[in-house]
């Protein structure tokens, strides 16, 4: 369920008490373990953590106006979700997360992009903290850029150069219009 809340505080306030307490506890784990540079805010109708444009000006390739998402948490209709994009970006991280989770004795309900849980007790919070801490901001950006499709990578690097070349090679609008009238 996407929320229309504009702030994390508004989002938490609109949740039922049990879910609010669960997501507040998870939030504390994030804030205690995030590398410097990540910011907290609302995105895609949920609480999230992201790399701001001040650090990564290109933004998210799907919507460059949005900062680069790193992690999120949400209250869905039948469960709560934990999105750890940093863990999903490398097969080694996924393997590590699965192995460490198994050691906790808790059931892992992991989809293609999230970990689903019904109550806070379903999450090994110390392990979530370790997973967050394992992915420093610079490494996350490196993995993100390595995962981009080649076309997107080339377009991002070429854009500033191509725009400068076009501007130099194009006649001014007035000159072009005068030529067309002749």
Protein backbone atom coordinates (compact mmCIF):
# COMPACT_ATOMS: atom_id res chain seq x y z
CA UNK A 1 0.00 0.00 0.00
CA UNK A 2 1.61 3.23 -1.10
CA UNK A 3 1.28 6.08 1.32
CA UNK A 4 0.71 9.72 0.41
CA UNK A 5 2.70 10.82 3.48
CA UNK A 6 5.31 13.48 2.76
CA UNK A 7 7.54 12.76 5.76
CA UNK A 8 8.69 9.71 7.69
CA UNK A 9 6.92 11.05 10.78
CA UNK A 10 3.61 11.37 8.86
CA UNK A 11 4.07 7.85 7.49
CA UNK A 12 4.67 6.34 10.92
CA UNK A 13 1.74 8.27 12.43
CA UNK A 14 -0.74 6.77 9.94
CA UNK A 15 0.22 3.15 10.78
CA UNK A 16 -1.55 0.87 13.26
CA UNK A 17 0.36 0.78 16.57
CA UNK A 18 1.91 -2.70 16.14
CA UNK A 19 3.28 -1.86 12.69
CA UNK A 20 4.43 1.59 13.76
CA UNK A 21 6.42 0.05 16.63
CA UNK A 22 7.95 -2.55 14.31
CA UNK A 23 9.01 -0.01 11.69
CA UNK A 24 10.27 2.42 14.34
CA UNK A 25 12.51 -0.33 15.73
CA UNK A 26 13.74 -1.16 12.24
CA UNK A 27 14.34 2.53 11.60
CA UNK A 28 16.56 2.72 14.69
CA UNK A 29 18.64 -0.15 13.29
CA UNK A 30 19.06 1.72 10.00
CA UNK A 31 20.00 5.00 11.62
CA UNK A 32 22.56 3.28 13.87
CA UNK A 33 24.24 1.38 11.02
CA UNK A 34 24.03 3.50 7.85
CA UNK A 35 27.23 4.82 6.35
CA UNK A 36 27.61 8.60 6.27
CA UNK A 37 26.04 10.23 3.23
CA UNK A 38 22.83 8.23 3.01
CA UNK A 39 19.68 10.20 3.80
CA UNK A 40 16.27 9.22 5.10
CA UNK A 41 13.02 10.24 3.46
CA UNK A 42 9.91 9.15 1.65
CA UNK A 43 10.05 7.60 -1.78
CA UNK A 44 7.72 5.39 -3.78
CA UNK A 45 5.13 5.63 -1.00
CA UNK A 46 7.39 4.19 1.70
CA UNK A 47 10.13 5.12 4.16
CA UNK A 48 13.52 4.84 2.61
CA UNK A 49 17.19 5.59 2.60
CA UNK A 50 18.91 6.93 -0.46
CA UNK A 51 22.02 8.51 -1.92
CA UNK A 52 21.14 12.20 -2.35
CA UNK A 53 21.73 14.11 -5.59
CA UNK A 54 24.42 16.14 -3.79
CA UNK A 55 26.52 12.95 -3.70
CA UNK A 56 25.21 11.16 -6.81
CA UNK A 57 23.84 13.84 -9.18
CA UNK A 58 22.75 11.35 -11.85
CA UNK A 59 20.04 9.99 -9.56
CA UNK A 60 18.15 6.77 -10.13
CA UNK A 61 18.38 5.58 -13.75
CA UNK A 62 14.65 4.75 -13.86
CA UNK A 63 13.79 8.31 -12.84
CA UNK A 64 16.83 10.61 -12.58
CA UNK A 65 14.77 13.19 -10.67
CA UNK A 66 14.71 10.69 -7.80
CA UNK A 67 17.77 10.13 -5.61
CA UNK A 68 19.43 6.71 -5.84
CA UNK A 69 17.45 4.36 -3.54
CA UNK A 70 19.43 2.21 -1.13
CA UNK A 71 16.88 0.62 1.20
CA UNK A 72 13.29 0.94 2.27
CA UNK A 73 10.61 -0.36 4.55
CA UNK A 74 6.87 -0.42 4.16
CA UNK A 75 3.64 -1.58 5.69
CA UNK A 76 1.81 -3.63 3.07
CA UNK A 77 -1.70 -5.05 3.26
CA UNK A 78 -0.74 -8.47 4.68
CA UNK A 79 2.84 -7.94 5.86
CA UNK A 80 5.66 -5.46 6.24
CA UNK A 81 8.55 -5.26 3.79
CA UNK A 82 12.24 -4.60 4.12
CA UNK A 83 14.03 -3.62 0.92
CA UNK A 84 17.82 -4.02 1.04
CA UNK A 85 18.93 -3.12 -2.48
CA UNK A 86 22.57 -3.23 -1.42
CA UNK A 87 22.25 -6.91 -0.51
CA UNK A 88 20.54 -7.77 -3.77
CA UNK A 89 23.24 -6.17 -5.92
CA UNK A 90 25.81 -8.92 -5.58
CA UNK A 91 25.34 -12.69 -5.50
CA UNK A 92 27.90 -12.87 -2.67
CA UNK A 93 25.81 -10.53 -0.52
CA UNK A 94 22.63 -12.53 -1.13
CA UNK A 95 24.46 -15.75 -0.31
CA UNK A 96 25.88 -14.18 2.87
CA UNK A 97 22.46 -12.87 3.94
CA UNK A 98 20.77 -16.25 3.42
CA UNK A 99 23.50 -18.12 5.30
CA UNK A 100 23.55 -15.68 8.21
CA UNK A 101 19.75 -15.62 8.40
CA UNK A 102 19.65 -19.42 8.56
CA UNK A 103 21.97 -19.30 11.59
CA UNK A 104 19.38 -17.19 13.46
CA UNK A 105 16.74 -19.92 13.26
CA UNK A 106 14.20 -17.42 11.93
CA UNK A 107 12.26 -18.06 8.73
CA UNK A 108 13.42 -15.97 5.76
CA UNK A 109 10.57 -14.89 3.47
CA UNK A 110 12.63 -13.29 0.71
CA UNK A 111 11.29 -12.20 -2.64
CA UNK A 112 13.09 -10.76 -5.65
CA UNK A 113 13.37 -7.34 -4.04
CA UNK A 114 12.25 -7.58 -0.43
CA UNK A 115 12.12 -9.47 2.81
CA UNK A 116 8.57 -9.89 4.06
CA UNK A 117 7.70 -10.13 7.74
CA UNK A 118 4.51 -10.02 9.80
CA UNK A 119 5.91 -8.95 13.15
CA UNK A 120 9.15 -7.48 14.45
CA UNK A 121 10.11 -10.77 16.12
CA UNK A 122 10.39 -12.30 12.62
CA UNK A 123 13.47 -10.13 11.93
CA UNK A 124 16.94 -10.71 13.36
CA UNK A 125 17.60 -7.00 13.90
CA UNK A 126 21.29 -7.48 14.67
CA UNK A 127 21.72 -9.23 11.32
CA UNK A 128 19.82 -6.46 9.51
CA UNK A 129 22.23 -4.00 11.13
CA UNK A 130 25.23 -6.04 9.93
CA UNK A 131 23.79 -6.19 6.40
CA UNK A 132 23.39 -2.40 6.35
CA UNK A 133 26.88 -1.83 7.75
CA UNK A 134 28.43 -4.20 5.17
CA UNK A 135 27.48 -1.88 2.30
CA UNK A 136 29.32 1.44 2.47
CA UNK A 137 28.00 4.25 0.28
CA UNK A 138 30.89 4.24 -2.22
CA UNK A 139 30.67 0.47 -2.67
CA UNK A 140 26.92 0.70 -3.21
CA UNK A 141 27.40 3.31 -5.95
CA UNK A 142 30.13 1.18 -7.56
CA UNK A 143 27.89 -1.91 -7.60
CA UNK A 144 24.93 0.13 -8.85
CA UNK A 145 26.93 1.56 -11.76
CA UNK A 146 28.35 -1.88 -12.61
CA UNK A 147 24.79 -3.26 -12.78
CA UNK A 148 23.49 -0.59 -15.15
CA UNK A 149 22.82 -1.74 -18.71
CA UNK A 150 25.69 -0.74 -21.06
CA UNK A 151 23.42 1.61 -23.00
CA UNK A 152 22.52 3.49 -19.82
CA UNK A 153 26.18 3.72 -18.72
CA UNK A 154 27.28 5.07 -22.10
CA UNK A 155 24.41 7.55 -22.22
CA UNK A 156 25.22 8.87 -18.73
CA UNK A 157 28.88 9.42 -19.56
CA UNK A 158 28.25 10.73 -23.07
CA UNK A 159 25.40 13.11 -22.24
CA UNK A 160 27.46 16.09 -21.07
CA UNK A 161 29.99 15.72 -23.91
CA UNK A 162 27.31 15.15 -26.56
CA UNK A 163 25.30 18.15 -25.40
CA UNK A 164 28.39 20.37 -25.61
CA UNK A 165 29.22 19.09 -29.13
CA UNK A 166 25.64 19.68 -30.33
CA UNK A 167 25.62 23.20 -28.93
CA UNK A 168 28.86 24.04 -30.79
CA UNK A 169 27.81 22.48 -34.09
CA UNK A 170 24.29 23.96 -34.22
CA UNK A 171 23.80 27.39 -35.71
CA UNK A 172 21.90 29.84 -33.53
CA UNK A 173 18.13 29.60 -33.86
CA UNK A 174 17.98 32.98 -35.59
CA UNK A 175 20.55 32.02 -38.23
CA UNK A 176 18.78 28.71 -38.91
CA UNK A 177 15.46 30.47 -39.31
CA UNK A 178 16.99 33.06 -41.72
CA UNK A 179 18.47 30.27 -43.88
CA UNK A 180 15.12 28.49 -44.00
CA UNK A 181 13.36 31.68 -45.21
CA UNK A 182 15.79 32.18 -48.13
